[in-house]
C-alpha cells in the first residue's frame, strides 16, 4: 500500500461554517457609515450574484445602529429596481440576560413573513449602546435559478438594549417565492441608519 504524505500547504483550514477556506471566495466588502442601507447588486461595483457560485454567504460584522431597539433586516431584488421579493419565512430566538435572571427559547411569530414583500428580521431589538452591535451570517442558495424558489437562512448574535442588557441569538430562514433570479440583496435597520459596521459577500465554490 502506498503511503501518501501531505504538507501544510496542501490542507485547507476549516472555517466556522465547516467549509475549507479555499472554498470561500471574497467577492465584495462594504463598510457602513451612517448608511441608510448596504446593498449588493449583481454587476454593480464588482458585485457577483449570479450563477458563478451555487451558494453565496454574507457575513455582517459589528453592525451598529444609530437608533436603539431596532431590527436588522434583509430584503431581496428579483430583477426590478426595488428590494421587494415576495417571501415566506420563519424565525426563532434564544436569549439570556447579563444578570442571569431571564432566559428563553421561543418561536417569533412577530418576525415571520407570509407571502410578504417587506424586510425579514435577522437581528431583533439591537441596542445602540457604544459597545453594542449585531454579528452574524446569511446564506443564499442558487439565486440565479429560474425554476425553483430561492432559499436563505441566517443566524446572528447581538446585544439587546434594556435596563439589563441581554444576548439574543436570532435564527431565521425562508424562501423568496419567485422563479425570477434574485440579483440583489439589501441590509438595513427597521428604523434609522446603519451607524457603522462591515458586510462581506463570499461565493462558495461547487464541490
N, C-alpha and C. Protein backbone atom coordinates (compact mmCIF):
# COMPACT_ATOMS: atom_id res chain seq x y z
N UNK A 1 0.85 -1.19 0.00
CA UNK A 1 0.00 0.00 0.00
C UNK A 1 0.88 1.24 0.00
N UNK A 2 0.58 2.17 -0.90
CA UNK A 2 1.39 3.39 -1.00
C UNK A 2 1.06 4.32 0.17
N UNK A 3 2.07 5.00 0.66
CA UNK A 3 1.91 5.96 1.74
C UNK A 3 1.86 7.36 1.15
N UNK A 4 0.79 8.09 1.42
CA UNK A 4 0.61 9.44 0.89
C UNK A 4 0.99 10.44 1.97
N UNK A 5 1.85 11.38 1.62
CA UNK A 5 2.28 12.41 2.56
C UNK A 5 1.72 13.77 2.14
N UNK A 6 1.32 14.57 3.12
CA UNK A 6 0.81 15.91 2.86
C UNK A 6 1.70 16.93 3.55
N UNK A 7 1.84 18.08 2.91
CA UNK A 7 2.50 19.19 3.60
C UNK A 7 1.43 20.17 4.07
N UNK A 8 1.85 21.12 4.89
CA UNK A 8 0.89 22.05 5.48
C UNK A 8 0.14 22.87 4.44
N UNK A 9 0.76 23.12 3.29
CA UNK A 9 0.14 23.96 2.28
C UNK A 9 -0.93 23.23 1.49
N UNK A 10 -1.02 21.92 1.63
CA UNK A 10 -1.98 21.16 0.83
C UNK A 10 -3.30 20.93 1.55
N UNK A 11 -3.38 21.35 2.80
CA UNK A 11 -4.59 21.13 3.59
C UNK A 11 -5.18 22.50 3.94
N UNK A 12 -6.44 22.69 3.56
CA UNK A 12 -7.11 23.96 3.84
C UNK A 12 -7.65 23.96 5.27
N UNK A 13 -7.59 25.12 5.90
CA UNK A 13 -8.19 25.26 7.22
C UNK A 13 -9.70 25.20 7.11
N UNK A 14 -10.35 24.80 8.19
CA UNK A 14 -11.80 24.72 8.21
C UNK A 14 -12.34 25.94 8.95
N UNK A 15 -13.34 26.60 8.35
CA UNK A 15 -13.93 27.79 8.95
C UNK A 15 -15.05 27.40 9.90
N UNK A 16 -15.65 28.42 10.56
CA UNK A 16 -16.77 28.18 11.48
C UNK A 16 -17.98 27.62 10.75
N UNK A 17 -18.05 27.81 9.44
CA UNK A 17 -19.17 27.29 8.66
C UNK A 17 -18.96 25.84 8.28
N UNK A 18 -17.79 25.26 8.60
CA UNK A 18 -17.50 23.89 8.22
C UNK A 18 -16.93 23.77 6.82
N UNK A 19 -16.59 24.90 6.20
CA UNK A 19 -16.08 24.91 4.84
C UNK A 19 -14.57 25.10 4.85
N UNK A 20 -13.89 24.45 3.93
CA UNK A 20 -12.48 24.72 3.74
C UNK A 20 -12.31 26.14 3.25
N UNK A 21 -11.28 26.83 3.73
CA UNK A 21 -11.10 28.23 3.37
C UNK A 21 -10.95 28.41 1.87
N UNK A 22 -10.39 27.43 1.18
CA UNK A 22 -10.24 27.54 -0.26
C UNK A 22 -11.55 27.53 -1.00
N UNK A 23 -12.64 27.09 -0.33
CA UNK A 23 -13.95 27.04 -0.97
C UNK A 23 -14.64 28.40 -0.94
N UNK A 24 -14.16 29.33 -0.12
CA UNK A 24 -14.78 30.64 0.03
C UNK A 24 -13.98 31.68 -0.76
N UNK A 25 -14.68 32.40 -1.61
CA UNK A 25 -14.04 33.44 -2.41
C UNK A 25 -14.66 34.79 -2.03
N UNK A 26 -13.84 35.69 -1.50
CA UNK A 26 -14.35 37.02 -1.15
C UNK A 26 -14.66 37.79 -2.43
N UNK A 27 -15.91 38.24 -2.53
CA UNK A 27 -16.35 38.98 -3.70
C UNK A 27 -16.35 40.48 -3.44
N UNK A 28 -16.92 40.88 -2.30
CA UNK A 28 -17.07 42.32 -2.04
C UNK A 28 -17.17 42.55 -0.54
N UNK A 29 -16.52 43.60 -0.06
CA UNK A 29 -16.62 44.03 1.33
C UNK A 29 -17.08 45.47 1.35
N UNK A 30 -18.11 45.77 2.14
CA UNK A 30 -18.61 47.14 2.23
C UNK A 30 -18.63 47.58 3.69
N UNK A 31 -18.26 48.82 3.92
CA UNK A 31 -18.25 49.41 5.26
C UNK A 31 -19.32 50.48 5.35
N UNK A 32 -20.20 50.33 6.34
CA UNK A 32 -21.28 51.30 6.54
C UNK A 32 -20.79 52.46 7.39
N UNK A 33 -21.28 53.64 7.09
CA UNK A 33 -21.00 54.84 7.88
C UNK A 33 -22.20 55.77 7.74
N UNK A 34 -23.09 55.74 8.74
CA UNK A 34 -24.35 56.49 8.68
C UNK A 34 -25.08 56.19 7.36
N UNK A 35 -25.18 54.91 7.04
CA UNK A 35 -25.77 54.47 5.77
C UNK A 35 -27.22 54.03 5.98
N UNK A 36 -28.09 54.44 5.08
CA UNK A 36 -29.48 54.01 5.14
C UNK A 36 -29.59 52.51 4.90
N UNK A 37 -28.74 51.98 4.04
CA UNK A 37 -28.72 50.54 3.76
C UNK A 37 -27.37 50.18 3.15
N UNK A 38 -27.09 48.89 3.13
CA UNK A 38 -25.92 48.37 2.43
C UNK A 38 -26.46 47.37 1.41
N UNK A 39 -26.22 47.66 0.12
CA UNK A 39 -26.81 46.88 -0.96
C UNK A 39 -25.74 46.16 -1.78
N UNK A 40 -26.06 44.96 -2.19
CA UNK A 40 -25.22 44.18 -3.08
C UNK A 40 -26.05 43.84 -4.32
N UNK A 41 -25.68 44.40 -5.46
CA UNK A 41 -26.44 44.20 -6.70
C UNK A 41 -25.51 43.61 -7.75
N UNK A 42 -25.93 42.52 -8.35
CA UNK A 42 -25.12 41.86 -9.35
C UNK A 42 -24.72 42.81 -10.47
N UNK A 43 -23.43 42.83 -10.81
CA UNK A 43 -22.93 43.66 -11.89
C UNK A 43 -22.65 45.10 -11.51
N UNK A 44 -22.87 45.45 -10.24
CA UNK A 44 -22.63 46.81 -9.76
C UNK A 44 -21.47 46.82 -8.77
N UNK A 45 -20.49 47.68 -9.00
CA UNK A 45 -19.36 47.84 -8.07
C UNK A 45 -18.67 46.51 -7.78
N UNK A 46 -18.44 45.73 -8.82
CA UNK A 46 -17.72 44.45 -8.74
C UNK A 46 -18.47 43.36 -7.99
N UNK A 47 -19.76 43.53 -7.77
CA UNK A 47 -20.55 42.50 -7.10
C UNK A 47 -20.92 41.41 -8.11
N UNK A 48 -20.73 40.16 -7.69
CA UNK A 48 -21.15 39.00 -8.47
C UNK A 48 -22.24 38.29 -7.67
N UNK A 49 -23.42 38.15 -8.26
CA UNK A 49 -24.54 37.46 -7.60
C UNK A 49 -25.36 36.78 -8.69
N UNK A 50 -24.73 35.80 -9.32
CA UNK A 50 -25.36 35.12 -10.45
C UNK A 50 -25.05 33.62 -10.38
N UNK A 51 -24.95 32.95 -11.51
CA UNK A 51 -24.70 31.51 -11.49
C UNK A 51 -23.22 31.15 -11.39
N UNK A 52 -22.38 32.14 -11.08
CA UNK A 52 -20.95 31.85 -10.88
C UNK A 52 -20.75 30.89 -9.71
N UNK A 53 -21.52 31.07 -8.65
CA UNK A 53 -21.44 30.22 -7.47
C UNK A 53 -22.83 29.67 -7.13
N UNK A 54 -22.91 28.45 -6.61
CA UNK A 54 -24.21 27.90 -6.24
C UNK A 54 -24.74 28.43 -4.92
N UNK A 55 -23.83 28.90 -4.07
CA UNK A 55 -24.20 29.43 -2.75
C UNK A 55 -23.43 30.71 -2.50
N UNK A 56 -24.12 31.70 -1.92
CA UNK A 56 -23.48 32.95 -1.51
C UNK A 56 -23.63 33.11 -0.01
N UNK A 57 -22.59 33.65 0.61
CA UNK A 57 -22.55 33.84 2.05
C UNK A 57 -22.25 35.30 2.37
N UNK A 58 -23.12 35.91 3.16
CA UNK A 58 -22.91 37.27 3.66
C UNK A 58 -22.53 37.17 5.13
N UNK A 59 -21.46 37.87 5.52
CA UNK A 59 -21.08 37.97 6.93
C UNK A 59 -21.19 39.43 7.36
N UNK A 60 -21.99 39.68 8.38
CA UNK A 60 -22.13 41.05 8.88
C UNK A 60 -21.43 41.16 10.23
N UNK A 61 -20.59 42.19 10.36
CA UNK A 61 -19.61 42.27 11.44
C UNK A 61 -19.75 43.62 12.16
N UNK A 62 -20.03 43.56 13.46
CA UNK A 62 -20.14 44.76 14.30
C UNK A 62 -21.05 45.81 13.67
N UNK A 63 -22.26 45.39 13.28
CA UNK A 63 -23.23 46.32 12.70
C UNK A 63 -23.90 47.08 13.84
N UNK A 64 -23.66 48.37 13.89
CA UNK A 64 -24.12 49.23 14.99
C UNK A 64 -25.21 50.18 14.49
N UNK A 65 -26.37 50.20 15.14
CA UNK A 65 -27.45 51.08 14.69
C UNK A 65 -27.33 52.50 15.25
N UNK A 66 -27.86 53.44 14.51
CA UNK A 66 -27.93 54.81 15.01
C UNK A 66 -29.08 54.96 16.00
N UNK A 67 -30.09 54.10 15.89
CA UNK A 67 -31.29 54.16 16.73
C UNK A 67 -31.36 52.91 17.59
N UNK A 68 -31.89 53.06 18.80
CA UNK A 68 -31.95 51.92 19.72
C UNK A 68 -33.16 51.04 19.46
N UNK A 69 -33.02 49.76 19.83
CA UNK A 69 -34.10 48.78 19.76
C UNK A 69 -34.72 48.68 18.37
N UNK A 70 -33.86 48.44 17.39
CA UNK A 70 -34.30 48.27 16.01
C UNK A 70 -33.88 46.90 15.51
N UNK A 71 -34.53 46.45 14.46
CA UNK A 71 -34.23 45.14 13.87
C UNK A 71 -33.33 45.31 12.65
N UNK A 72 -32.31 44.47 12.55
CA UNK A 72 -31.56 44.38 11.30
C UNK A 72 -32.37 43.52 10.35
N UNK A 73 -32.61 44.02 9.13
CA UNK A 73 -33.46 43.33 8.17
C UNK A 73 -32.73 43.10 6.85
N UNK A 74 -33.17 42.06 6.15
CA UNK A 74 -32.65 41.76 4.82
C UNK A 74 -33.82 41.73 3.85
N UNK A 75 -33.56 42.15 2.61
CA UNK A 75 -34.56 42.01 1.57
C UNK A 75 -33.86 41.72 0.25
N UNK A 76 -34.63 41.31 -0.74
CA UNK A 76 -34.08 40.77 -1.97
C UNK A 76 -34.71 41.43 -3.19
N UNK A 77 -33.92 41.54 -4.25
CA UNK A 77 -34.39 42.10 -5.52
C UNK A 77 -34.53 40.98 -6.54
N UNK A 78 -35.65 40.96 -7.25
CA UNK A 78 -35.89 39.88 -8.21
C UNK A 78 -35.98 40.40 -9.64
N UNK A 79 -35.04 41.26 -9.98
CA UNK A 79 -34.92 41.75 -11.35
C UNK A 79 -35.46 43.14 -11.58
N UNK A 80 -36.25 43.66 -10.67
CA UNK A 80 -36.75 45.02 -10.80
C UNK A 80 -35.78 46.02 -10.20
N UNK A 81 -36.29 47.17 -9.82
CA UNK A 81 -35.45 48.20 -9.23
C UNK A 81 -35.59 48.26 -7.71
N UNK A 82 -36.55 47.54 -7.15
CA UNK A 82 -36.81 47.59 -5.72
C UNK A 82 -36.46 46.26 -5.04
N UNK A 83 -36.13 46.35 -3.76
CA UNK A 83 -35.87 45.16 -2.95
C UNK A 83 -37.19 44.76 -2.29
N UNK A 84 -37.98 43.98 -3.00
CA UNK A 84 -39.33 43.66 -2.54
C UNK A 84 -39.79 42.28 -3.00
N UNK A 85 -38.88 41.33 -3.08
CA UNK A 85 -39.26 39.99 -3.49
C UNK A 85 -40.23 39.38 -2.47
N UNK A 86 -41.23 38.68 -2.95
CA UNK A 86 -42.20 38.02 -2.08
C UNK A 86 -41.53 36.87 -1.32
N UNK A 87 -41.75 36.84 0.00
CA UNK A 87 -41.07 35.87 0.86
C UNK A 87 -42.04 35.17 1.80
N UNK A 88 -41.71 33.94 2.15
CA UNK A 88 -42.34 33.24 3.27
C UNK A 88 -41.22 32.74 4.17
N UNK A 89 -41.30 33.04 5.46
CA UNK A 89 -40.18 32.80 6.37
C UNK A 89 -40.64 32.29 7.73
N UNK A 90 -39.67 31.90 8.53
CA UNK A 90 -39.91 31.53 9.92
C UNK A 90 -38.75 32.00 10.76
N UNK A 91 -38.96 32.17 12.06
CA UNK A 91 -37.90 32.72 12.92
C UNK A 91 -38.07 32.25 14.36
N UNK A 92 -36.94 32.07 15.05
CA UNK A 92 -36.99 31.81 16.49
C UNK A 92 -35.77 32.44 17.14
N UNK A 93 -35.81 32.60 18.45
CA UNK A 93 -34.72 33.25 19.18
C UNK A 93 -34.40 32.47 20.46
N UNK A 94 -33.20 32.71 20.97
CA UNK A 94 -32.82 32.33 22.32
C UNK A 94 -32.19 33.56 22.96
N UNK A 95 -32.45 33.78 24.25
CA UNK A 95 -31.80 34.92 24.90
C UNK A 95 -31.45 34.61 26.35
N UNK A 96 -30.50 35.43 26.87
CA UNK A 96 -30.03 35.28 28.24
C UNK A 96 -29.59 36.66 28.73
N UNK A 97 -30.15 37.10 29.84
CA UNK A 97 -29.80 38.40 30.41
C UNK A 97 -28.42 38.39 31.05
N UNK A 98 -27.77 39.56 31.04
CA UNK A 98 -26.47 39.69 31.71
C UNK A 98 -26.59 39.36 33.19
N UNK A 99 -27.74 39.68 33.80
CA UNK A 99 -27.94 39.41 35.22
C UNK A 99 -28.20 37.94 35.51
N UNK A 100 -28.46 37.15 34.44
CA UNK A 100 -28.79 35.74 34.63
C UNK A 100 -30.21 35.50 35.07
N UNK A 101 -31.02 36.57 35.16
CA UNK A 101 -32.37 36.45 35.72
C UNK A 101 -33.42 36.02 34.71
N UNK A 102 -33.08 36.02 33.43
CA UNK A 102 -34.08 35.69 32.43
C UNK A 102 -33.48 34.95 31.25
N UNK A 103 -34.13 33.86 30.85
CA UNK A 103 -33.71 33.12 29.67
C UNK A 103 -34.95 32.68 28.91
N UNK A 104 -34.79 32.39 27.61
CA UNK A 104 -35.92 31.92 26.83
C UNK A 104 -35.44 31.31 25.51
N UNK A 105 -36.22 30.39 25.00
CA UNK A 105 -36.07 29.86 23.65
C UNK A 105 -37.47 29.83 23.08
N UNK A 106 -37.72 30.61 22.02
CA UNK A 106 -39.10 30.76 21.57
C UNK A 106 -39.22 31.05 20.08
N UNK A 107 -40.33 30.57 19.52
CA UNK A 107 -40.71 30.92 18.16
C UNK A 107 -41.16 32.37 18.13
N UNK A 108 -40.80 33.12 17.07
CA UNK A 108 -41.14 34.53 16.98
C UNK A 108 -42.12 34.75 15.83
N UNK A 109 -43.41 34.64 16.12
CA UNK A 109 -44.42 34.86 15.09
C UNK A 109 -44.36 36.29 14.57
N UNK A 110 -43.93 37.23 15.42
CA UNK A 110 -43.86 38.64 15.00
C UNK A 110 -42.76 38.89 13.98
N UNK A 111 -41.85 37.92 13.82
CA UNK A 111 -40.73 38.12 12.90
C UNK A 111 -40.83 37.29 11.62
N UNK A 112 -41.89 36.47 11.51
CA UNK A 112 -42.01 35.71 10.28
C UNK A 112 -42.82 36.48 9.25
N UNK A 113 -42.73 36.03 8.02
CA UNK A 113 -43.40 36.69 6.89
C UNK A 113 -44.18 35.63 6.13
N UNK A 114 -45.43 35.93 5.77
CA UNK A 114 -46.25 35.01 5.00
C UNK A 114 -46.62 35.70 3.68
N UNK A 115 -45.86 35.38 2.65
CA UNK A 115 -46.07 35.96 1.33
C UNK A 115 -46.06 37.48 1.37
N UNK A 116 -45.07 38.03 2.07
CA UNK A 116 -44.92 39.47 2.19
C UNK A 116 -43.73 39.97 1.40
N UNK A 117 -43.69 41.27 1.20
CA UNK A 117 -42.59 41.89 0.45
C UNK A 117 -41.70 42.76 1.32
N UNK A 118 -42.02 42.90 2.60
CA UNK A 118 -41.20 43.72 3.49
C UNK A 118 -39.92 43.00 3.89
N UNK A 119 -39.09 43.70 4.65
CA UNK A 119 -37.82 43.14 5.09
C UNK A 119 -38.01 42.01 6.08
N UNK A 120 -37.10 41.05 6.05
CA UNK A 120 -37.08 39.94 7.02
C UNK A 120 -36.10 40.27 8.13
N UNK A 121 -36.58 40.23 9.38
CA UNK A 121 -35.71 40.49 10.52
C UNK A 121 -34.69 39.37 10.66
N UNK A 122 -33.42 39.74 10.77
CA UNK A 122 -32.35 38.77 11.02
C UNK A 122 -31.58 39.11 12.30
N UNK A 123 -32.03 40.14 13.02
CA UNK A 123 -31.44 40.54 14.30
C UNK A 123 -32.40 41.46 15.01
N UNK A 124 -32.96 41.03 16.14
CA UNK A 124 -34.06 41.75 16.78
C UNK A 124 -33.60 42.67 17.90
N UNK A 125 -34.23 43.83 17.97
CA UNK A 125 -34.08 44.74 19.12
C UNK A 125 -32.62 45.06 19.43
N UNK A 126 -31.87 45.40 18.40
CA UNK A 126 -30.45 45.70 18.59
C UNK A 126 -30.30 47.02 19.33
N UNK A 127 -29.47 47.02 20.36
CA UNK A 127 -29.24 48.24 21.12
C UNK A 127 -28.20 49.13 20.46
N UNK A 128 -28.24 50.43 20.80
CA UNK A 128 -27.22 51.34 20.26
C UNK A 128 -26.28 51.85 21.35
N UNK A 129 -26.11 51.07 22.44
CA UNK A 129 -25.02 51.36 23.37
C UNK A 129 -23.72 51.48 22.56
N UNK A 130 -22.77 52.22 23.10
CA UNK A 130 -21.50 52.38 22.40
C UNK A 130 -20.83 51.04 22.12
N UNK A 131 -21.07 50.05 23.00
CA UNK A 131 -20.41 48.75 22.83
C UNK A 131 -21.33 47.69 22.22
N UNK A 132 -22.49 48.09 21.73
CA UNK A 132 -23.46 47.13 21.21
C UNK A 132 -23.35 46.99 19.70
N UNK A 133 -23.64 45.79 19.20
CA UNK A 133 -23.65 45.55 17.76
C UNK A 133 -24.32 44.21 17.51
N UNK A 134 -24.56 43.92 16.22
CA UNK A 134 -25.08 42.62 15.81
C UNK A 134 -24.09 42.01 14.83
N UNK A 135 -23.83 40.72 14.99
CA UNK A 135 -22.90 39.98 14.13
C UNK A 135 -23.57 38.69 13.68
N UNK A 136 -23.27 38.25 12.46
CA UNK A 136 -23.86 37.01 12.02
C UNK A 136 -23.56 36.71 10.57
N UNK A 137 -24.38 35.82 10.00
CA UNK A 137 -24.17 35.39 8.62
C UNK A 137 -25.50 35.02 7.99
N UNK A 138 -25.52 35.10 6.66
CA UNK A 138 -26.71 34.73 5.90
C UNK A 138 -26.27 33.98 4.65
N UNK A 139 -26.88 32.82 4.42
CA UNK A 139 -26.64 32.03 3.22
C UNK A 139 -27.79 32.23 2.23
N UNK A 140 -27.45 32.41 0.97
CA UNK A 140 -28.43 32.49 -0.11
C UNK A 140 -28.07 31.41 -1.12
N UNK A 141 -29.06 30.55 -1.44
CA UNK A 141 -28.80 29.37 -2.25
C UNK A 141 -29.30 29.55 -3.69
N UNK A 142 -28.39 29.36 -4.63
CA UNK A 142 -28.71 29.30 -6.06
C UNK A 142 -29.61 30.46 -6.51
N UNK A 143 -29.19 31.70 -6.29
CA UNK A 143 -30.08 32.84 -6.55
C UNK A 143 -30.44 33.04 -8.02
N UNK A 144 -29.64 32.54 -8.93
CA UNK A 144 -29.89 32.78 -10.36
C UNK A 144 -30.81 31.72 -10.98
N UNK A 145 -31.20 30.72 -10.20
CA UNK A 145 -32.06 29.66 -10.73
C UNK A 145 -33.44 30.22 -11.08
N UNK A 146 -33.97 29.85 -12.22
CA UNK A 146 -35.27 30.35 -12.66
C UNK A 146 -36.34 29.26 -12.69
N UNK A 147 -36.07 28.14 -12.01
CA UNK A 147 -37.05 27.05 -11.89
C UNK A 147 -37.62 26.98 -10.48
N UNK A 148 -36.72 27.08 -9.48
CA UNK A 148 -37.13 26.88 -8.09
C UNK A 148 -37.18 28.21 -7.33
N UNK A 149 -37.89 28.19 -6.19
CA UNK A 149 -37.84 29.32 -5.27
C UNK A 149 -36.42 29.42 -4.70
N UNK A 150 -36.07 30.58 -4.18
CA UNK A 150 -34.71 30.81 -3.69
C UNK A 150 -34.69 30.82 -2.16
N UNK A 151 -33.97 29.87 -1.58
CA UNK A 151 -33.94 29.71 -0.12
C UNK A 151 -32.79 30.51 0.50
N UNK A 152 -33.00 30.94 1.73
CA UNK A 152 -31.97 31.62 2.50
C UNK A 152 -32.12 31.24 3.97
N UNK A 153 -31.04 31.36 4.71
CA UNK A 153 -31.10 31.16 6.16
C UNK A 153 -30.05 32.04 6.83
N UNK A 154 -30.36 32.45 8.06
CA UNK A 154 -29.49 33.39 8.76
C UNK A 154 -29.46 33.07 10.24
N UNK A 155 -28.34 33.43 10.87
CA UNK A 155 -28.24 33.39 12.32
C UNK A 155 -27.40 34.59 12.76
N UNK A 156 -27.72 35.12 13.94
CA UNK A 156 -26.98 36.29 14.41
C UNK A 156 -26.90 36.29 15.93
N UNK A 157 -25.93 37.05 16.44
CA UNK A 157 -25.76 37.26 17.86
C UNK A 157 -25.70 38.76 18.09
N UNK A 158 -26.41 39.24 19.13
CA UNK A 158 -26.46 40.68 19.34
C UNK A 158 -26.68 41.02 20.80
N UNK A 159 -26.43 42.31 21.13
CA UNK A 159 -26.77 42.83 22.43
C UNK A 159 -28.09 43.59 22.33
N UNK A 160 -29.10 43.11 23.04
CA UNK A 160 -30.38 43.80 23.09
C UNK A 160 -30.31 44.84 24.19
N UNK A 161 -30.84 46.05 23.90
CA UNK A 161 -30.73 47.15 24.87
C UNK A 161 -31.90 47.12 25.82
N UNK A 162 -31.60 47.16 27.10
CA UNK A 162 -32.61 47.16 28.15
C UNK A 162 -31.95 47.71 29.40
N UNK A 163 -32.72 47.83 30.49
CA UNK A 163 -32.11 48.25 31.74
C UNK A 163 -31.07 47.23 32.18
N UNK A 164 -31.34 45.95 31.83
CA UNK A 164 -30.35 44.89 32.00
C UNK A 164 -30.15 44.24 30.64
N UNK A 165 -29.12 44.62 29.90
CA UNK A 165 -28.95 44.10 28.53
C UNK A 165 -28.84 42.58 28.52
N UNK A 166 -29.17 42.00 27.38
CA UNK A 166 -29.03 40.56 27.25
C UNK A 166 -28.63 40.18 25.84
N UNK A 167 -28.10 38.97 25.73
CA UNK A 167 -27.69 38.43 24.43
C UNK A 167 -28.87 37.77 23.74
N UNK A 168 -29.06 38.13 22.49
CA UNK A 168 -30.04 37.47 21.63
C UNK A 168 -29.30 36.61 20.62
N UNK A 169 -29.75 35.39 20.42
CA UNK A 169 -29.38 34.59 19.26
C UNK A 169 -30.62 34.51 18.39
N UNK A 170 -30.52 35.02 17.17
CA UNK A 170 -31.67 35.07 16.27
C UNK A 170 -31.45 34.13 15.10
N UNK A 171 -32.45 33.35 14.79
CA UNK A 171 -32.41 32.39 13.69
C UNK A 171 -33.60 32.64 12.77
N UNK A 172 -33.35 32.76 11.49
CA UNK A 172 -34.44 32.93 10.54
C UNK A 172 -34.11 32.19 9.25
N UNK A 173 -35.14 31.78 8.55
CA UNK A 173 -34.98 31.08 7.29
C UNK A 173 -36.24 31.26 6.47
N UNK A 174 -36.11 31.09 5.18
CA UNK A 174 -37.28 31.22 4.33
C UNK A 174 -36.91 31.10 2.87
N UNK A 175 -37.85 31.49 2.03
CA UNK A 175 -37.59 31.46 0.59
C UNK A 175 -38.26 32.65 -0.07
N UNK A 176 -37.59 33.13 -1.12
CA UNK A 176 -38.21 34.13 -1.99
C UNK A 176 -39.09 33.35 -2.96
N UNK A 177 -40.38 33.56 -2.88
CA UNK A 177 -41.33 32.75 -3.63
C UNK A 177 -41.51 33.31 -5.05
N UNK A 178 -40.41 33.32 -5.76
CA UNK A 178 -40.39 33.79 -7.15
C UNK A 178 -39.51 32.84 -7.95
N UNK A 179 -39.80 32.69 -9.24
CA UNK A 179 -38.93 31.90 -10.10
C UNK A 179 -37.93 32.79 -10.82
N UNK A 180 -38.14 34.11 -10.76
CA UNK A 180 -37.16 35.04 -11.33
C UNK A 180 -35.87 34.97 -10.51
N UNK A 181 -34.75 35.25 -11.14
CA UNK A 181 -33.47 35.26 -10.44
C UNK A 181 -33.44 36.37 -9.39
N UNK A 182 -32.80 36.09 -8.27
CA UNK A 182 -32.52 37.11 -7.26
C UNK A 182 -31.18 37.74 -7.61
N UNK A 183 -31.19 39.03 -7.91
CA UNK A 183 -29.96 39.68 -8.37
C UNK A 183 -29.50 40.80 -7.45
N UNK A 184 -30.10 40.91 -6.27
CA UNK A 184 -29.68 41.94 -5.32
C UNK A 184 -30.13 41.62 -3.91
N UNK A 185 -29.32 42.02 -2.93
CA UNK A 185 -29.61 41.80 -1.51
C UNK A 185 -29.33 43.10 -0.77
N UNK A 186 -30.26 43.48 0.10
CA UNK A 186 -30.14 44.75 0.83
C UNK A 186 -30.24 44.51 2.33
N UNK A 187 -29.37 45.17 3.10
CA UNK A 187 -29.39 45.12 4.55
C UNK A 187 -29.69 46.51 5.09
N UNK A 188 -30.60 46.60 6.04
CA UNK A 188 -30.97 47.90 6.63
C UNK A 188 -31.59 47.65 8.00
N UNK A 189 -31.63 48.69 8.82
CA UNK A 189 -32.36 48.60 10.08
C UNK A 189 -33.81 49.01 9.86
N UNK A 190 -34.70 48.54 10.73
CA UNK A 190 -36.12 48.83 10.60
C UNK A 190 -36.41 50.31 10.80
N UNK A 191 -35.49 51.02 11.44
CA UNK A 191 -35.61 52.46 11.62
C UNK A 191 -34.21 53.04 11.82
N UNK A 192 -33.95 54.17 11.21
CA UNK A 192 -32.65 54.81 11.37
C UNK A 192 -31.57 54.18 10.53
N UNK A 193 -30.39 54.79 10.57
CA UNK A 193 -29.28 54.37 9.73
C UNK A 193 -28.44 53.26 10.36
N UNK A 194 -27.63 52.64 9.51
CA UNK A 194 -26.55 51.78 9.99
C UNK A 194 -25.39 52.71 10.33
N UNK A 195 -25.14 52.89 11.62
CA UNK A 195 -24.13 53.85 12.05
C UNK A 195 -22.73 53.40 11.64
N UNK A 196 -22.45 52.11 11.78
CA UNK A 196 -21.12 51.59 11.47
C UNK A 196 -21.22 50.08 11.29
N UNK A 197 -20.18 49.50 10.71
CA UNK A 197 -20.12 48.05 10.55
C UNK A 197 -19.65 47.65 9.17
N UNK A 198 -19.44 46.37 8.98
CA UNK A 198 -18.92 45.86 7.72
C UNK A 198 -19.73 44.63 7.31
N UNK A 199 -20.01 44.51 6.01
CA UNK A 199 -20.67 43.34 5.46
C UNK A 199 -19.81 42.80 4.32
N UNK A 200 -19.53 41.49 4.40
CA UNK A 200 -18.70 40.84 3.38
C UNK A 200 -19.52 39.82 2.62
N UNK A 201 -19.34 39.77 1.32
CA UNK A 201 -20.02 38.81 0.45
C UNK A 201 -18.99 37.81 -0.08
N UNK A 202 -19.28 36.52 0.11
CA UNK A 202 -18.43 35.45 -0.39
C UNK A 202 -19.21 34.56 -1.36
N UNK A 203 -18.53 34.02 -2.33
CA UNK A 203 -19.07 32.96 -3.17
C UNK A 203 -18.49 31.64 -2.70
N UNK A 204 -19.33 30.60 -2.63
CA UNK A 204 -18.88 29.29 -2.19
C UNK A 204 -18.79 28.38 -3.41
N UNK A 205 -17.61 27.85 -3.65
CA UNK A 205 -17.38 27.04 -4.84
C UNK A 205 -18.15 25.73 -4.77
N UNK A 206 -18.52 25.23 -5.95
CA UNK A 206 -19.16 23.94 -6.04
C UNK A 206 -18.18 22.85 -5.64
N UNK A 207 -18.67 21.76 -5.03
CA UNK A 207 -17.79 20.69 -4.60
C UNK A 207 -17.40 19.80 -5.77
